[in-house]
N, C-alpha and C. Protein backbone atom coordinates (compact mmCIF):
# COMPACT_ATOMS: atom_id res chain seq x y z
N UNK A 1 39.91 345.59 111.77
CA UNK A 1 39.35 344.53 111.36
C UNK A 1 40.16 343.16 112.27
N UNK A 2 40.14 343.26 113.76
CA UNK A 2 40.79 342.13 114.34
C UNK A 2 40.25 341.37 114.48
N UNK A 3 40.75 339.74 114.67
CA UNK A 3 40.52 338.71 114.24
C UNK A 3 40.01 338.21 112.95
N UNK A 4 40.06 338.66 112.06
CA UNK A 4 39.44 337.97 110.99
C UNK A 4 40.37 336.87 110.14
N UNK A 5 41.19 336.13 110.78
CA UNK A 5 42.18 335.20 110.49
C UNK A 5 41.30 333.96 111.40
N UNK A 6 40.86 333.28 110.27
CA UNK A 6 40.22 331.86 110.96
C UNK A 6 41.98 330.78 111.40
N UNK A 7 41.43 330.68 112.46
CA UNK A 7 42.17 329.94 113.02
C UNK A 7 43.07 329.89 114.49
N UNK A 8 42.53 331.53 114.33
CA UNK A 8 42.77 332.23 115.39
C UNK A 8 44.29 332.67 116.04
N UNK A 9 45.25 331.62 115.59
CA UNK A 9 46.52 331.58 116.51
C UNK A 9 47.62 332.18 115.67
N UNK A 10 48.26 331.91 114.79
CA UNK A 10 49.65 332.33 114.39
C UNK A 10 49.85 332.51 112.87
N UNK A 11 48.74 332.91 111.91
CA UNK A 11 49.20 332.97 110.60
C UNK A 11 48.65 331.46 109.65
N UNK A 12 49.84 332.11 109.01
CA UNK A 12 50.06 330.69 107.71
C UNK A 12 50.94 329.29 108.12
N UNK A 13 50.23 328.39 107.63
CA UNK A 13 50.74 326.37 108.43
C UNK A 13 52.09 326.64 107.13
N UNK A 14 53.27 326.21 107.80
CA UNK A 14 54.28 326.19 106.40
C UNK A 14 54.43 324.59 106.19
N UNK A 15 54.29 324.62 104.67
CA UNK A 15 54.82 322.89 104.47
C UNK A 15 56.02 321.94 105.02
N UNK A 16 55.85 321.11 105.24
CA UNK A 16 57.31 320.12 106.19
C UNK A 16 57.03 319.00 104.97
N UNK A 17 58.09 318.73 104.38
CA UNK A 17 59.11 317.43 104.20
C UNK A 17 59.11 316.41 105.21
N UNK A 18 58.18 315.54 105.07
CA UNK A 18 58.58 314.50 105.91
C UNK A 18 59.29 313.50 105.40
N UNK A 19 60.60 313.20 106.05
CA UNK A 19 61.56 312.13 105.36
C UNK A 19 61.49 310.57 106.49
N UNK A 20 60.81 310.25 107.00
CA UNK A 20 60.61 308.86 107.76
C UNK A 20 60.09 308.10 106.62
N UNK A 21 58.88 308.33 105.93
CA UNK A 21 58.24 307.88 105.33
C UNK A 21 59.28 307.65 103.64
N UNK A 22 59.46 308.46 103.44
CA UNK A 22 60.52 308.78 102.44
C UNK A 22 61.98 307.94 102.30
N UNK A 23 62.52 307.29 103.95
CA UNK A 23 63.30 306.34 103.81
C UNK A 23 62.88 304.92 104.12
N UNK A 24 61.54 304.77 104.49
CA UNK A 24 60.95 303.56 104.54
C UNK A 24 61.06 303.18 102.88
N UNK A 25 60.24 303.99 102.05
CA UNK A 25 60.69 303.89 101.00
C UNK A 25 61.44 303.26 99.86
N UNK A 26 62.55 304.06 100.30
CA UNK A 26 64.06 303.89 99.94
C UNK A 26 64.22 302.86 100.45
N UNK A 27 64.25 302.48 101.10
CA UNK A 27 64.70 301.23 101.95
C UNK A 27 63.70 299.50 101.00
N UNK A 28 62.71 299.86 101.22
CA UNK A 28 61.66 298.82 100.62
C UNK A 28 62.47 298.31 99.21
N UNK A 29 62.75 300.04 98.18
CA UNK A 29 62.84 300.08 96.99
C UNK A 29 64.50 299.40 96.72
N UNK A 30 65.75 299.42 97.68
CA UNK A 30 66.86 298.72 97.86
C UNK A 30 66.56 297.48 98.41
N UNK A 31 65.60 296.76 99.19
CA UNK A 31 65.32 295.76 98.95
C UNK A 31 64.87 294.71 97.87
N UNK A 32 64.02 295.38 97.27
CA UNK A 32 63.47 294.81 96.54
C UNK A 32 64.67 294.38 94.74
N UNK A 33 65.40 295.25 94.69
CA UNK A 33 66.31 295.28 94.22
C UNK A 33 67.29 294.75 94.14
N UNK A 34 67.59 294.73 95.53
CA UNK A 34 68.92 293.18 95.92
C UNK A 34 67.64 291.69 96.17
N UNK A 35 67.14 291.61 96.58
CA UNK A 35 66.32 290.35 95.84
C UNK A 35 66.23 289.80 94.56
N UNK A 36 65.86 291.05 93.71
CA UNK A 36 65.92 291.36 92.23
C UNK A 36 67.22 290.09 91.70
N UNK A 37 68.07 290.80 92.50
CA UNK A 37 69.43 290.75 91.24
C UNK A 37 69.67 289.40 92.03
N UNK A 38 69.60 289.18 93.18
CA UNK A 38 70.35 287.40 93.45
C UNK A 38 69.54 286.43 93.07
N UNK A 39 68.06 286.87 92.52
CA UNK A 39 67.57 285.88 91.72
C UNK A 39 67.66 285.71 90.47
N UNK A 40 69.24 286.38 89.90
CA UNK A 40 68.86 286.28 88.69
C UNK A 40 70.59 285.94 88.04
N UNK A 41 70.53 284.72 88.54
CA UNK A 41 72.14 283.89 88.69
C UNK A 41 71.59 283.14 87.24
N UNK A 42 71.77 283.41 86.12
CA UNK A 42 71.69 283.11 84.84
C UNK A 42 72.10 281.82 84.38
N UNK A 43 71.39 281.10 84.12
CA UNK A 43 73.11 279.88 84.09
C UNK A 43 73.03 280.02 82.27
N UNK A 44 74.37 279.49 82.14
CA UNK A 44 75.17 280.01 80.58
C UNK A 44 74.79 278.78 79.71
N UNK A 45 74.38 277.25 80.27
CA UNK A 45 74.31 276.51 79.61
C UNK A 45 73.02 276.21 79.29
N UNK A 46 72.40 275.01 78.72
CA UNK A 46 71.15 274.72 78.28
C UNK A 46 69.86 274.33 78.89
N UNK A 47 68.42 275.09 78.99
CA UNK A 47 67.60 274.44 79.68
C UNK A 47 67.33 273.10 80.24
N UNK A 48 68.05 272.52 81.66
CA UNK A 48 67.89 271.33 81.72
C UNK A 48 66.88 271.66 83.30
N UNK A 49 66.64 270.25 83.82
CA UNK A 49 66.16 270.05 84.73
C UNK A 49 67.37 269.96 85.95
N UNK A 50 67.52 270.54 86.61
CA UNK A 50 68.87 270.78 87.76
C UNK A 50 68.22 269.52 88.92
N UNK A 51 68.81 268.39 89.29
CA UNK A 51 68.83 268.13 90.02
C UNK A 51 68.93 269.17 92.17
N UNK A 52 68.39 268.41 92.62
CA UNK A 52 68.13 269.23 93.92
C UNK A 52 69.23 268.99 94.99
N UNK A 53 69.75 270.23 95.56
CA UNK A 53 71.20 269.60 96.69
C UNK A 53 70.56 271.02 97.51
N UNK A 54 70.71 270.38 98.95
CA UNK A 54 70.60 271.54 100.35
C UNK A 54 72.35 272.43 100.43
N UNK A 55 73.29 271.93 99.80
CA UNK A 55 74.19 272.58 100.26
C UNK A 55 75.09 273.24 98.97
N UNK A 56 74.12 273.66 97.80
CA UNK A 56 74.24 274.57 96.65
C UNK A 56 74.71 276.20 97.54
N UNK A 57 75.75 276.51 96.91
CA UNK A 57 76.57 278.02 96.64
C UNK A 57 75.86 278.47 95.87
N UNK A 58 76.22 279.75 95.95
CA UNK A 58 76.02 280.62 94.47
C UNK A 58 77.31 280.43 93.86
N UNK A 59 77.42 280.61 92.65
CA UNK A 59 78.85 280.99 91.56
C UNK A 59 79.51 282.28 91.00
N UNK A 60 80.04 282.12 90.96
CA UNK A 60 81.24 283.72 90.27
C UNK A 60 81.12 282.56 88.63
N UNK A 61 80.45 283.60 87.61
CA UNK A 61 80.78 282.93 86.34
C UNK A 61 81.23 283.67 85.59
N UNK A 62 82.24 284.32 86.06
CA UNK A 62 83.18 284.90 85.72
C UNK A 62 84.92 283.86 85.45
N UNK A 63 85.12 283.77 84.43
CA UNK A 63 86.16 282.58 83.78
C UNK A 63 85.95 281.29 83.96
N UNK A 64 84.18 281.14 83.46
CA UNK A 64 83.43 279.98 83.93
C UNK A 64 82.99 279.44 82.43
N UNK A 65 83.03 277.75 81.80
CA UNK A 65 82.19 277.60 80.80
C UNK A 65 81.62 276.37 81.13
N UNK A 66 80.45 276.09 80.82
CA UNK A 66 79.77 275.74 81.20
C UNK A 66 78.97 274.37 80.29
N UNK A 67 79.40 273.56 80.66
CA UNK A 67 78.60 271.89 79.60
C UNK A 67 77.27 271.86 80.28
N UNK A 68 77.10 271.86 79.51
CA UNK A 68 75.48 270.87 79.91
C UNK A 68 75.39 269.24 79.29
N UNK A 69 74.99 268.69 80.23
CA UNK A 69 74.44 267.11 79.99
C UNK A 69 73.03 267.10 80.08
N UNK A 70 72.29 266.81 78.53
CA UNK A 70 70.96 266.56 78.28
C UNK A 70 70.50 265.97 78.75
N UNK A 71 69.14 265.14 79.14
CA UNK A 71 68.68 264.05 79.52
C UNK A 71 68.62 263.14 78.50
N UNK A 72 68.94 263.12 77.19
CA UNK A 72 69.37 262.43 76.20
C UNK A 72 70.77 262.02 76.54
N UNK A 73 71.32 262.89 76.86
CA UNK A 73 73.13 262.38 77.01
C UNK A 73 73.85 263.17 76.01
N UNK A 74 72.99 264.33 75.93
CA UNK A 74 74.45 265.05 74.31
C UNK A 74 74.54 266.47 75.32
N UNK A 75 76.17 267.08 74.81
CA UNK A 75 76.55 267.37 75.67
C UNK A 75 76.28 268.73 74.70
N UNK A 76 76.56 270.05 76.03
CA UNK A 76 76.39 271.33 74.79
C UNK A 76 77.58 272.23 75.97
N UNK A 77 78.23 273.26 75.10
CA UNK A 77 79.58 274.17 75.04
C UNK A 77 78.68 275.33 75.55
N UNK A 78 78.13 276.13 76.22
CA UNK A 78 77.89 277.21 76.72
C UNK A 78 76.60 277.40 75.63
N UNK A 79 75.94 276.72 75.88
CA UNK A 79 74.48 275.83 74.57
C UNK A 79 74.65 276.10 73.57
N UNK A 80 75.45 275.60 73.34
CA UNK A 80 76.08 275.30 71.86
C UNK A 80 75.96 273.88 71.64
N UNK A 81 75.42 273.34 71.31
CA UNK A 81 75.22 271.99 71.38
C UNK A 81 76.76 271.43 70.35
N UNK A 82 77.37 270.21 70.95
CA UNK A 82 78.88 269.90 70.22
C UNK A 82 78.91 268.77 69.82
N UNK A 83 79.54 268.27 69.53
CA UNK A 83 79.89 266.32 69.84
C UNK A 83 80.98 266.40 70.06
N UNK A 84 81.32 264.65 70.73
CA UNK A 84 82.52 264.24 71.59
C UNK A 84 83.69 265.39 71.26
N UNK A 85 83.70 265.31 69.77
CA UNK A 85 85.41 265.79 69.18
C UNK A 85 85.19 267.30 69.43
N UNK A 86 84.43 268.20 68.92
CA UNK A 86 84.61 269.62 69.44
C UNK A 86 84.39 269.58 70.98
N UNK A 87 83.68 268.99 71.85
CA UNK A 87 84.11 269.37 73.16
C UNK A 87 85.58 269.22 73.27
N UNK A 88 85.90 268.21 73.59
CA UNK A 88 87.57 268.10 73.84
C UNK A 88 88.39 269.28 73.05
N UNK A 89 88.22 269.41 72.27
CA UNK A 89 88.91 270.14 71.07
C UNK A 89 88.89 272.37 71.68
N UNK A 90 87.32 271.75 72.08
CA UNK A 90 86.77 273.59 73.09
C UNK A 90 87.26 273.25 74.51
N UNK A 91 87.68 272.26 74.88
CA UNK A 91 88.10 272.18 76.20
C UNK A 91 89.48 272.43 76.15
N UNK A 92 90.45 272.15 75.17
CA UNK A 92 91.69 271.96 75.56
C UNK A 92 91.79 273.70 75.12
N UNK A 93 90.92 274.05 74.20
CA UNK A 93 91.41 275.82 73.54
C UNK A 93 90.71 276.93 74.93
N UNK A 94 89.63 276.05 76.29
CA UNK A 94 89.50 276.96 76.74
C UNK A 94 90.83 276.87 77.96
N UNK A 95 91.38 275.47 77.83
CA UNK A 95 92.00 275.70 78.99
C UNK A 95 93.74 276.56 78.46
N UNK A 96 93.76 276.49 77.34
CA UNK A 96 95.15 277.58 76.84
C UNK A 96 94.68 278.92 76.92
N UNK A 97 93.40 279.36 76.97
CA UNK A 97 93.11 280.47 77.04
C UNK A 97 93.40 281.19 78.87
N UNK A 98 92.52 280.34 79.40
CA UNK A 98 92.50 280.51 80.82
C UNK A 98 93.39 279.54 81.73
N UNK A 99 94.13 280.31 81.35
CA UNK A 99 95.30 279.22 82.66
C UNK A 99 95.22 279.08 83.73
N UNK A 100 95.39 279.85 84.37
CA UNK A 100 95.41 279.89 86.08
C UNK A 100 94.07 279.75 86.72
N UNK A 101 92.94 280.66 85.82
CA UNK A 101 91.62 280.69 87.05
C UNK A 101 90.20 279.76 85.96
N UNK A 102 90.97 279.38 85.75
CA UNK A 102 89.81 278.24 84.68
C UNK A 102 89.00 277.29 85.89
N UNK A 103 87.60 277.77 85.76
CA UNK A 103 86.62 276.71 86.10
C UNK A 103 85.55 275.89 84.69
N UNK A 104 85.25 275.06 85.10
CA UNK A 104 84.08 273.94 84.48
C UNK A 104 82.76 273.92 85.46
N UNK A 105 82.01 274.30 84.59
CA UNK A 105 80.38 274.56 85.18
C UNK A 105 79.99 273.14 84.69
N UNK A 106 79.22 272.27 85.32
CA UNK A 106 78.80 270.91 84.71
C UNK A 106 77.44 271.19 85.09
N UNK A 107 76.40 271.77 83.95
CA UNK A 107 74.93 271.96 83.99
C UNK A 107 74.29 270.72 83.74
N UNK A 108 73.84 269.82 84.26
CA UNK A 108 73.44 268.36 83.90
C UNK A 108 72.08 268.39 84.02
N UNK A 109 70.67 267.86 83.64
CA UNK A 109 69.65 267.69 84.24
C UNK A 109 69.44 266.20 84.78
N UNK A 110 68.83 266.60 85.94
CA UNK A 110 68.83 265.25 86.80
C UNK A 110 68.32 264.08 86.21
N UNK A 111 67.60 263.71 84.95
CA UNK A 111 67.38 262.54 84.31
C UNK A 111 69.17 261.99 82.94
N UNK A 112 69.71 263.03 83.54
CA UNK A 112 71.04 262.38 82.27
C UNK A 112 71.95 261.24 82.50
N UNK A 113 72.17 260.70 81.54
CA UNK A 113 72.81 259.58 82.20
C UNK A 113 74.18 259.68 82.71
N UNK A 114 74.38 258.90 83.90
CA UNK A 114 75.09 259.62 84.73
C UNK A 114 76.61 258.83 84.37
N UNK A 115 76.92 258.24 83.19
CA UNK A 115 78.06 257.97 82.50
C UNK A 115 78.85 258.85 81.38
N UNK A 116 77.64 259.73 81.10
CA UNK A 116 78.04 260.74 80.34
C UNK A 116 78.70 262.04 81.71
N UNK A 117 77.58 262.56 82.36
CA UNK A 117 78.40 263.08 83.04
C UNK A 117 79.80 263.17 84.07
N UNK A 118 79.87 261.81 83.63
CA UNK A 118 81.39 260.98 84.55
C UNK A 118 82.13 261.31 83.54
N UNK A 119 82.07 261.28 82.30
CA UNK A 119 82.94 261.49 80.99
C UNK A 119 83.23 262.64 80.86
N UNK A 120 82.57 263.63 81.13
CA UNK A 120 82.60 265.52 80.92
C UNK A 120 83.70 265.13 82.10
N UNK A 121 83.27 264.81 83.20
CA UNK A 121 83.88 265.48 84.81
C UNK A 121 85.80 264.67 84.34
N UNK A 122 85.57 263.59 83.76
CA UNK A 122 86.90 262.99 83.33
C UNK A 122 87.78 263.74 82.42
N UNK A 123 86.96 264.22 81.59
CA UNK A 123 87.44 264.76 80.53
C UNK A 123 88.58 266.18 80.98
N UNK A 124 87.69 266.94 81.57
CA UNK A 124 87.68 268.44 82.14
C UNK A 124 89.10 268.09 82.95
N UNK A 125 88.95 267.04 84.14
CA UNK A 125 90.48 267.02 84.66
C UNK A 125 91.64 266.30 84.05
N UNK A 126 91.47 265.40 83.30
CA UNK A 126 92.30 265.37 82.06
C UNK A 126 93.17 266.34 81.39
N UNK A 127 92.17 267.01 81.30
CA UNK A 127 92.70 268.95 80.17
C UNK A 127 93.47 269.86 81.15
N UNK A 128 93.20 268.93 82.57
CA UNK A 128 94.04 270.14 83.64
C UNK A 128 93.82 271.19 84.56
N UNK A 129 91.89 270.93 84.53
CA UNK A 129 91.19 272.05 84.75
C UNK A 129 91.02 271.51 86.51
N UNK A 130 91.36 272.10 87.16
CA UNK A 130 90.88 271.15 89.13
C UNK A 130 89.47 271.88 89.66
N UNK A 131 88.99 273.07 89.00
CA UNK A 131 87.78 273.63 89.79
C UNK A 131 86.91 273.10 88.60
N UNK A 132 86.12 272.46 89.18
CA UNK A 132 85.39 271.24 88.49
C UNK A 132 84.00 271.54 89.84
N UNK A 133 82.86 272.59 88.98
CA UNK A 133 81.94 272.65 89.51
C UNK A 133 80.74 272.33 89.17
N UNK A 134 79.65 271.57 89.72
CA UNK A 134 78.12 270.69 89.44
C UNK A 134 77.14 271.47 90.04
N UNK A 135 75.95 272.47 89.02
CA UNK A 135 74.94 273.30 88.89
C UNK A 135 74.17 272.28 89.27
N UNK A 136 73.44 272.94 90.77
CA UNK A 136 71.84 271.98 91.23
C UNK A 136 71.26 273.97 91.72
N UNK A 137 69.91 272.93 91.99
CA UNK A 137 69.20 274.04 92.19
C UNK A 137 68.90 273.74 94.20
N UNK A 138 68.65 274.63 94.63
CA UNK A 138 67.95 274.30 95.91
C UNK A 138 67.49 274.15 96.91
N UNK A 139 67.24 272.99 97.57
CA UNK A 139 66.08 272.06 97.97
C UNK A 139 65.39 272.78 98.84
N UNK A 140 63.76 272.70 98.44
CA UNK A 140 63.23 273.46 99.45
C UNK A 140 63.30 273.29 100.76
N UNK A 141 63.10 274.02 101.98
CA UNK A 141 63.22 273.60 102.97
C UNK A 141 61.88 273.06 103.27
N UNK A 142 62.08 271.83 104.42
CA UNK A 142 61.22 270.83 104.78
C UNK A 142 60.50 269.87 103.62
N UNK A 143 61.43 269.73 102.49
CA UNK A 143 61.55 268.51 101.90
C UNK A 143 61.99 267.38 102.19
């Protein structure tokens, strides 16, 4: 019974794995993961409405204490509201532990009293910490 195979040519088709669509999917997942992790620059301070800046840069949170200045002018140390005396005590203790690599991040509300932020800045510098960063949010392009 010659000619009983349908298709007439050469027998069974071999299954093939297409690698190009697989590479596309892997790169898409990689790009999504990278963009998601870049957006996770989570603040260690209280939730405040940060002022906008065009020249802001990402920060390295290691060895950093976050001091928040709220709209009402209160101070928090890493999400923990503190009095002025507690602030000074924690600042001295932080400096004693992190001698060389100490950094302070001021996380101030855009409507916070300016004199309170300057007080925090001055006390940090008096404690001998020279790396003082101010947290901002990136200003949208075209604003």
